[in-house]
Amino acid sequence: MEQKLRRDRNMGMNLRALRLRAGLSQEKLCAELQRRGCDIGRTTYEKYENGELNIRISVLVELRKIYRCEYDAFFEGLDGAI
């Protein structure tokens, strides 16, 4: 029996919260990511925030640099114990 992985909405909520805390629109964030070599458009990023698409590690690496945060900020609340 084939089993599909469920998308985790908490990751998207964390991505949105970090972006809003930084005062960035999705468009401005994507422009900065593109400047840093991540070929990502606003609609793709919107899918990350909505939990419709899993985010690539390379994008997380650049987001961590942009937000100047720890990786834990992306995963906060995902295990239920944080």
PDB file of N, CA and C in Angstrom:
ATOM      1  N   MET A   1       0.840  -1.176   0.000  1.00  0.00           N
ATOM      2  CA  MET A   1       0.000   0.000   0.000  1.00  0.00           C
ATOM      3  C   MET A   1       0.890   1.247   0.000  1.00  0.00           C
ATOM      4  N   GLU A   2       0.622   2.138  -0.903  1.00  0.00           N
ATOM      5  CA  GLU A   2       1.401   3.372  -1.000  1.00  0.00           C
ATOM      6  C   GLU A   2       0.945   4.350   0.075  1.00  0.00           C
ATOM      7  N   GLN A   3       1.921   4.957   0.738  1.00  0.00           N
ATOM      8  CA  GLN A   3       1.602   5.916   1.784  1.00  0.00           C
ATOM      9  C   GLN A   3       2.202   7.261   1.406  1.00  0.00           C
ATOM     10  N   LYS A   4       1.408   8.306   1.503  1.00  0.00           N
ATOM     11  CA  LYS A   4       1.887   9.645   1.184  1.00  0.00           C
ATOM     12  C   LYS A   4       2.233  10.385   2.466  1.00  0.00           C
ATOM     13  N   LEU A   5       3.288  11.174   2.389  1.00  0.00           N
ATOM     14  CA  LEU A   5       3.658  12.001   3.532  1.00  0.00           C
ATOM     15  C   LEU A   5       2.718  13.194   3.607  1.00  0.00           C
ATOM     16  N   ARG A   6       2.278  13.492   4.798  1.00  0.00           N
ATOM     17  CA  ARG A   6       1.432  14.669   4.983  1.00  0.00           C
ATOM     18  C   ARG A   6       2.304  15.908   5.065  1.00  0.00           C
ATOM     19  N   ARG A   7       1.847  16.968   4.482  1.00  0.00           N
ATOM     20  CA  ARG A   7       2.555  18.244   4.564  1.00  0.00           C
ATOM     21  C   ARG A   7       2.340  18.813   5.967  1.00  0.00           C
ATOM     22  N   ASP A   8       3.347  19.450   6.513  1.00  0.00           N
ATOM     23  CA  ASP A   8       3.240  20.000   7.852  1.00  0.00           C
ATOM     24  C   ASP A   8       2.948  21.481   7.779  1.00  0.00           C
ATOM     25  N   ARG A   9       1.793  21.869   8.219  1.00  0.00           N
ATOM     26  CA  ARG A   9       1.380  23.269   8.144  1.00  0.00           C
ATOM     27  C   ARG A   9       2.171  24.160   9.093  1.00  0.00           C
ATOM     28  N   ASN A  10       2.684  23.592  10.181  1.00  0.00           N
ATOM     29  CA  ASN A  10       3.437  24.401  11.129  1.00  0.00           C
ATOM     30  C   ASN A  10       4.683  25.007  10.503  1.00  0.00           C
ATOM     31  N   MET A  11       5.334  24.279   9.635  1.00  0.00           N
ATOM     32  CA  MET A  11       6.517  24.807   8.959  1.00  0.00           C
ATOM     33  C   MET A  11       6.137  26.053   8.181  1.00  0.00           C
ATOM     34  N   GLY A  12       5.029  26.000   7.463  1.00  0.00           N
ATOM     35  CA  GLY A  12       4.569  27.164   6.711  1.00  0.00           C
ATOM     36  C   GLY A  12       4.231  28.328   7.602  1.00  0.00           C
ATOM     37  N   MET A  13       3.617  28.046   8.736  1.00  0.00           N
ATOM     38  CA  MET A  13       3.286  29.128   9.669  1.00  0.00           C
ATOM     39  C   MET A  13       4.559  29.760  10.216  1.00  0.00           C
ATOM     40  N   ASN A  14       5.571  28.952  10.476  1.00  0.00           N
ATOM     41  CA  ASN A  14       6.848  29.486  10.947  1.00  0.00           C
ATOM     42  C   ASN A  14       7.511  30.338   9.875  1.00  0.00           C
ATOM     43  N   LEU A  15       7.461  29.876   8.631  1.00  0.00           N
ATOM     44  CA  LEU A  15       8.043  30.658   7.535  1.00  0.00           C
ATOM     45  C   LEU A  15       7.350  32.012   7.405  1.00  0.00           C
ATOM     46  N   ARG A  16       6.032  32.003   7.487  1.00  0.00           N
ATOM     47  CA  ARG A  16       5.267  33.251   7.383  1.00  0.00           C
ATOM     48  C   ARG A  16       5.584  34.192   8.543  1.00  0.00           C
ATOM     49  N   ALA A  17       5.633  33.656   9.751  1.00  0.00           N
ATOM     50  CA  ALA A  17       5.914  34.482  10.930  1.00  0.00           C
ATOM     51  C   ALA A  17       7.300  35.127  10.840  1.00  0.00           C
ATOM     52  N   LEU A  18       8.288  34.367  10.406  1.00  0.00           N
ATOM     53  CA  LEU A  18       9.643  34.920  10.266  1.00  0.00           C
ATOM     54  C   LEU A  18       9.683  36.019   9.208  1.00  0.00           C
ATOM     55  N   ARG A  19       8.989  35.784   8.097  1.00  0.00           N
ATOM     56  CA  ARG A  19       8.975  36.792   7.029  1.00  0.00           C
ATOM     57  C   ARG A  19       8.300  38.081   7.497  1.00  0.00           C
ATOM     58  N   LEU A  20       7.171  37.942   8.164  1.00  0.00           N
ATOM     59  CA  LEU A  20       6.452  39.126   8.648  1.00  0.00           C
ATOM     60  C   LEU A  20       7.253  39.858   9.722  1.00  0.00           C
ATOM     61  N   ARG A  21       7.913  39.105  10.596  1.00  0.00           N
ATOM     62  CA  ARG A  21       8.754  39.713  11.624  1.00  0.00           C
ATOM     63  C   ARG A  21       9.884  40.525  11.000  1.00  0.00           C
ATOM     64  N   ALA A  22      10.374  40.065   9.848  1.00  0.00           N
ATOM     65  CA  ALA A  22      11.448  40.776   9.142  1.00  0.00           C
ATOM     66  C   ALA A  22      10.910  41.950   8.325  1.00  0.00           C
ATOM     67  N   GLY A  23       9.585  42.075   8.242  1.00  0.00           N
ATOM     68  CA  GLY A  23       8.986  43.185   7.507  1.00  0.00           C
ATOM     69  C   GLY A  23       9.099  43.049   6.003  1.00  0.00           C
ATOM     70  N   LEU A  24       9.099  41.813   5.514  1.00  0.00           N
ATOM     71  CA  LEU A  24       9.259  41.573   4.083  1.00  0.00           C
ATOM     72  C   LEU A  24       7.970  41.041   3.465  1.00  0.00           C
ATOM     73  N   SER A  25       7.698  41.493   2.254  1.00  0.00           N
ATOM     74  CA  SER A  25       6.616  40.889   1.475  1.00  0.00           C
ATOM     75  C   SER A  25       7.179  39.630   0.818  1.00  0.00           C
ATOM     76  N   GLN A  26       6.303  38.786   0.333  1.00  0.00           N
ATOM     77  CA  GLN A  26       6.776  37.600  -0.384  1.00  0.00           C
ATOM     78  C   GLN A  26       7.590  38.005  -1.605  1.00  0.00           C
ATOM     79  N   GLU A  27       7.169  39.059  -2.283  1.00  0.00           N
ATOM     80  CA  GLU A  27       7.886  39.516  -3.479  1.00  0.00           C
ATOM     81  C   GLU A  27       9.307  39.958  -3.141  1.00  0.00           C
ATOM     82  N   LYS A  28       9.443  40.763  -2.074  1.00  0.00           N
ATOM     83  CA  LYS A  28      10.779  41.252  -1.698  1.00  0.00           C
ATOM     84  C   LYS A  28      11.659  40.107  -1.215  1.00  0.00           C
ATOM     85  N   LEU A  29      11.076  39.186  -0.473  1.00  0.00           N
ATOM     86  CA  LEU A  29      11.849  38.045  -0.004  1.00  0.00           C
ATOM     87  C   LEU A  29      12.346  37.202  -1.172  1.00  0.00           C
ATOM     88  N   CYS A  30      11.470  36.942  -2.130  1.00  0.00           N
ATOM     89  CA  CYS A  30      11.862  36.133  -3.290  1.00  0.00           C
ATOM     90  C   CYS A  30      12.921  36.838  -4.127  1.00  0.00           C
ATOM     91  N   ALA A  31      12.824  38.159  -4.228  1.00  0.00           N
ATOM     92  CA  ALA A  31      13.848  38.910  -4.958  1.00  0.00           C
ATOM     93  C   ALA A  31      15.209  38.751  -4.277  1.00  0.00           C
ATOM     94  N   GLU A  32      15.216  38.790  -2.944  1.00  0.00           N
ATOM     95  CA  GLU A  32      16.471  38.615  -2.207  1.00  0.00           C
ATOM     96  C   GLU A  32      16.985  37.185  -2.353  1.00  0.00           C
ATOM     97  N   LEU A  33      16.097  36.210  -2.314  1.00  0.00           N
ATOM     98  CA  LEU A  33      16.515  34.822  -2.510  1.00  0.00           C
ATOM     99  C   LEU A  33      17.101  34.623  -3.901  1.00  0.00           C
ATOM    100  N   GLN A  34      16.489  35.229  -4.903  1.00  0.00           N
ATOM    101  CA  GLN A  34      17.002  35.123  -6.270  1.00  0.00           C
ATOM    102  C   GLN A  34      18.372  35.779  -6.379  1.00  0.00           C
ATOM    103  N   ARG A  35      18.537  36.898  -5.714  1.00  0.00           N
ATOM    104  CA  ARG A  35      19.837  37.582  -5.712  1.00  0.00           C
ATOM    105  C   ARG A  35      20.918  36.687  -5.108  1.00  0.00           C
ATOM    106  N   ARG A  36      20.513  35.823  -4.189  1.00  0.00           N
ATOM    107  CA  ARG A  36      21.445  34.922  -3.514  1.00  0.00           C
ATOM    108  C   ARG A  36      21.565  33.575  -4.220  1.00  0.00           C
ATOM    109  N   GLY A  37      20.952  33.440  -5.380  1.00  0.00           N
ATOM    110  CA  GLY A  37      21.117  32.229  -6.174  1.00  0.00           C
ATOM    111  C   GLY A  37      20.023  31.191  -6.052  1.00  0.00           C
ATOM    112  N   CYS A  38      18.952  31.484  -5.314  1.00  0.00           N
ATOM    113  CA  CYS A  38      17.822  30.556  -5.201  1.00  0.00           C
ATOM    114  C   CYS A  38      16.771  30.959  -6.221  1.00  0.00           C
ATOM    115  N   ASP A  39      16.606  30.149  -7.236  1.00  0.00           N
ATOM    116  CA  ASP A  39      15.638  30.454  -8.289  1.00  0.00           C
ATOM    117  C   ASP A  39      14.244  30.078  -7.803  1.00  0.00           C
ATOM    118  N   ILE A  40      13.585  31.025  -7.161  1.00  0.00           N
ATOM    119  CA  ILE A  40      12.281  30.764  -6.556  1.00  0.00           C
ATOM    120  C   ILE A  40      11.368  31.962  -6.802  1.00  0.00           C
ATOM    121  N   GLY A  41      10.163  31.663  -7.226  1.00  0.00           N
ATOM    122  CA  GLY A  41       9.180  32.710  -7.476  1.00  0.00           C
ATOM    123  C   GLY A  41       8.217  32.853  -6.308  1.00  0.00           C
ATOM    124  N   ARG A  42       7.443  33.909  -6.323  1.00  0.00           N
ATOM    125  CA  ARG A  42       6.510  34.188  -5.249  1.00  0.00           C
ATOM    126  C   ARG A  42       5.466  33.088  -5.094  1.00  0.00           C
ATOM    127  N   THR A  43       4.964  32.570  -6.210  1.00  0.00           N
ATOM    128  CA  THR A  43       3.926  31.535  -6.102  1.00  0.00           C
ATOM    129  C   THR A  43       4.475  30.256  -5.467  1.00  0.00           C
ATOM    130  N   THR A  44       5.717  29.933  -5.748  1.00  0.00           N
ATOM    131  CA  THR A  44       6.337  28.773  -5.101  1.00  0.00           C
ATOM    132  C   THR A  44       6.505  29.030  -3.617  1.00  0.00           C
ATOM    133  N   TYR A  45       6.977  30.226  -3.268  1.00  0.00           N
ATOM    134  CA  TYR A  45       7.158  30.544  -1.853  1.00  0.00           C
ATOM    135  C   TYR A  45       5.817  30.553  -1.117  1.00  0.00           C
ATOM    136  N   GLU A  46       4.800  31.036  -1.775  1.00  0.00           N
ATOM    137  CA  GLU A  46       3.454  31.027  -1.184  1.00  0.00           C
ATOM    138  C   GLU A  46       3.028  29.589  -0.852  1.00  0.00           C
ATOM    139  N   LYS A  47       3.376  28.659  -1.716  1.00  0.00           N
ATOM    140  CA  LYS A  47       3.058  27.249  -1.468  1.00  0.00           C
ATOM    141  C   LYS A  47       3.821  26.720  -0.265  1.00  0.00           C
ATOM    142  N   TYR A  48       5.057  27.184  -0.044  1.00  0.00           N
ATOM    143  CA  TYR A  48       5.798  26.805   1.160  1.00  0.00           C
ATOM    144  C   TYR A  48       5.042  27.264   2.401  1.00  0.00           C
ATOM    145  N   GLU A  49       4.616  28.527   2.395  1.00  0.00           N
ATOM    146  CA  GLU A  49       3.921  29.085   3.551  1.00  0.00           C
ATOM    147  C   GLU A  49       2.559  28.437   3.779  1.00  0.00           C
ATOM    148  N   ASN A  50       1.910  28.007   2.715  1.00  0.00           N
ATOM    149  CA  ASN A  50       0.597  27.375   2.836  1.00  0.00           C
ATOM    150  C   ASN A  50       0.679  25.883   3.117  1.00  0.00           C
ATOM    151  N   GLY A  51       1.891  25.344   3.197  1.00  0.00           N
ATOM    152  CA  GLY A  51       2.068  23.930   3.475  1.00  0.00           C
ATOM    153  C   GLY A  51       1.729  23.033   2.293  1.00  0.00           C
ATOM    154  N   GLU A  52       1.723  23.602   1.095  1.00  0.00           N
ATOM    155  CA  GLU A  52       1.387  22.840  -0.111  1.00  0.00           C
ATOM    156  C   GLU A  52       2.617  22.256  -0.797  1.00  0.00           C
ATOM    157  N   LEU A  53       3.809  22.709  -0.405  1.00  0.00           N
ATOM    158  CA  LEU A  53       5.042  22.281  -1.047  1.00  0.00           C
ATOM    159  C   LEU A  53       6.139  22.247   0.003  1.00  0.00           C
ATOM    160  N   ASN A  54       6.950  21.216  -0.025  1.00  0.00           N
ATOM    161  CA  ASN A  54       8.071  21.129   0.914  1.00  0.00           C
ATOM    162  C   ASN A  54       9.200  22.041   0.448  1.00  0.00           C
ATOM    163  N   ILE A  55       9.807  22.725   1.395  1.00  0.00           N
ATOM    164  CA  ILE A  55      10.864  23.689   1.086  1.00  0.00           C
ATOM    165  C   ILE A  55      12.203  22.968   0.917  1.00  0.00           C
ATOM    166  N   ARG A  56      13.006  23.459  -0.010  1.00  0.00           N
ATOM    167  CA  ARG A  56      14.332  22.883  -0.244  1.00  0.00           C
ATOM    168  C   ARG A  56      15.301  23.360   0.844  1.00  0.00           C
ATOM    169  N   ILE A  57      16.246  22.499   1.172  1.00  0.00           N
ATOM    170  CA  ILE A  57      17.249  22.831   2.188  1.00  0.00           C
ATOM    171  C   ILE A  57      18.055  24.054   1.765  1.00  0.00           C
ATOM    172  N   SER A  58      18.378  24.173   0.495  1.00  0.00           N
ATOM    173  CA  SER A  58      19.158  25.329   0.032  1.00  0.00           C
ATOM    174  C   SER A  58      18.423  26.640   0.287  1.00  0.00           C
ATOM    175  N   VAL A  59      17.106  26.612   0.213  1.00  0.00           N
ATOM    176  CA  VAL A  59      16.314  27.814   0.496  1.00  0.00           C
ATOM    177  C   VAL A  59      16.351  28.099   1.992  1.00  0.00           C
ATOM    178  N   LEU A  60      16.246  27.061   2.822  1.00  0.00           N
ATOM    179  CA  LEU A  60      16.320  27.265   4.274  1.00  0.00           C
ATOM    180  C   LEU A  60      17.660  27.864   4.690  1.00  0.00           C
ATOM    181  N   VAL A  61      18.726  27.411   4.051  1.00  0.00           N
ATOM    182  CA  VAL A  61      20.055  27.942   4.372  1.00  0.00           C
ATOM    183  C   VAL A  61      20.094  29.440   4.113  1.00  0.00           C
ATOM    184  N   GLU A  62      19.564  29.866   2.979  1.00  0.00           N
ATOM    185  CA  GLU A  62      19.569  31.299   2.653  1.00  0.00           C
ATOM    186  C   GLU A  62      18.600  32.085   3.532  1.00  0.00           C
ATOM    187  N   LEU A  63      17.450  31.496   3.846  1.00  0.00           N
ATOM    188  CA  LEU A  63      16.502  32.176   4.733  1.00  0.00           C
ATOM    189  C   LEU A  63      17.117  32.402   6.109  1.00  0.00           C
ATOM    190  N   ARG A  64      17.854  31.422   6.607  1.00  0.00           N
ATOM    191  CA  ARG A  64      18.517  31.573   7.899  1.00  0.00           C
ATOM    192  C   ARG A  64      19.475  32.758   7.884  1.00  0.00           C
ATOM    193  N   LYS A  65      20.179  32.935   6.787  1.00  0.00           N
ATOM    194  CA  LYS A  65      21.093  34.077   6.666  1.00  0.00           C
ATOM    195  C   LYS A  65      20.321  35.387   6.593  1.00  0.00           C
ATOM    196  N   ILE A  66      19.237  35.416   5.849  1.00  0.00           N
ATOM    197  CA  ILE A  66      18.434  36.632   5.710  1.00  0.00           C
ATOM    198  C   ILE A  66      17.827  37.033   7.047  1.00  0.00           C
ATOM    199  N   TYR A  67      17.255  36.068   7.755  1.00  0.00           N
ATOM    200  CA  TYR A  67      16.577  36.350   9.010  1.00  0.00           C
ATOM    201  C   TYR A  67      17.520  36.409  10.210  1.00  0.00           C
ATOM    202  N   ARG A  68      18.760  35.939  10.021  1.00  0.00           N
ATOM    203  CA  ARG A  68      19.746  35.893  11.101  1.00  0.00           C
ATOM    204  C   ARG A  68      19.171  35.172  12.320  1.00  0.00           C
ATOM    205  N   CYS A  69      18.678  33.977  12.052  1.00  0.00           N
ATOM    206  CA  CYS A  69      18.060  33.172  13.101  1.00  0.00           C
ATOM    207  C   CYS A  69      18.720  31.806  13.141  1.00  0.00           C
ATOM    208  N   GLU A  70      18.359  31.043  14.128  1.00  0.00           N
ATOM    209  CA  GLU A  70      18.808  29.660  14.238  1.00  0.00           C
ATOM    210  C   GLU A  70      17.861  28.788  13.415  1.00  0.00           C
ATOM    211  N   TYR A  71      18.322  27.624  13.013  1.00  0.00           N
ATOM    212  CA  TYR A  71      17.467  26.703  12.263  1.00  0.00           C
ATOM    213  C   TYR A  71      16.245  26.283  13.079  1.00  0.00           C
ATOM    214  N   ASP A  72      16.384  26.280  14.397  1.00  0.00           N
ATOM    215  CA  ASP A  72      15.265  25.907  15.260  1.00  0.00           C
ATOM    216  C   ASP A  72      14.027  26.751  14.997  1.00  0.00           C
ATOM    217  N   ALA A  73      14.207  27.991  14.580  1.00  0.00           N
ATOM    218  CA  ALA A  73      13.068  28.880  14.333  1.00  0.00           C
ATOM    219  C   ALA A  73      12.155  28.332  13.236  1.00  0.00           C
ATOM    220  N   PHE A  74      12.705  27.614  12.280  1.00  0.00           N
ATOM    221  CA  PHE A  74      11.901  27.049  11.194  1.00  0.00           C
ATOM    222  C   PHE A  74      11.069  25.856  11.664  1.00  0.00           C
ATOM    223  N   PHE A  75      11.580  25.162  12.690  1.00  0.00           N
ATOM    224  CA  PHE A  75      10.959  23.904  13.124  1.00  0.00           C
ATOM    225  C   PHE A  75      10.208  24.027  14.442  1.00  0.00           C
ATOM    226  N   GLU A  76      10.101  25.231  14.956  1.00  0.00           N
ATOM    227  CA  GLU A  76       9.445  25.453  16.247  1.00  0.00           C
ATOM    228  C   GLU A  76       8.025  24.890  16.253  1.00  0.00           C
ATOM    229  N   GLY A  77       7.742  24.086  17.243  1.00  0.00           N
ATOM    230  CA  GLY A  77       6.405  23.534  17.404  1.00  0.00           C
ATOM    231  C   GLY A  77       6.114  22.292  16.592  1.00  0.00           C
ATOM    232  N   LEU A  78       7.053  21.829  15.801  1.00  0.00           N
ATOM    233  CA  LEU A  78       6.781  20.670  14.954  1.00  0.00           C
ATOM    234  C   LEU A  78       6.754  19.349  15.705  1.00  0.00           C
ATOM    235  N   ASP A  79       7.475  19.274  16.819  1.00  0.00           N
ATOM    236  CA  ASP A  79       7.485  18.007  17.558  1.00  0.00           C
ATOM    237  C   ASP A  79       6.499  17.995  18.715  1.00  0.00           C
ATOM    238  N   GLY A  80       5.803  19.094  18.904  1.00  0.00           N
ATOM    239  CA  GLY A  80       4.807  19.169  19.957  1.00  0.00           C
ATOM    240  C   GLY A  80       5.380  19.452  21.333  1.00  0.00           C
ATOM    241  N   ALA A  81       6.697  19.415  21.465  1.00  0.00           N
ATOM    242  CA  ALA A  81       7.311  19.622  22.774  1.00  0.00           C
ATOM    243  C   ALA A  81       7.950  20.995  22.914  1.00  0.00           C
ATOM    244  N   ILE A  82       8.074  21.708  21.806  1.00  0.00           N
ATOM    245  CA  ILE A  82       8.755  23.012  21.861  1.00  0.00           C
ATOM    246  C   ILE A  82       7.771  24.077  22.278  1.00  0.00           C
TER     247      ILE A  82
END
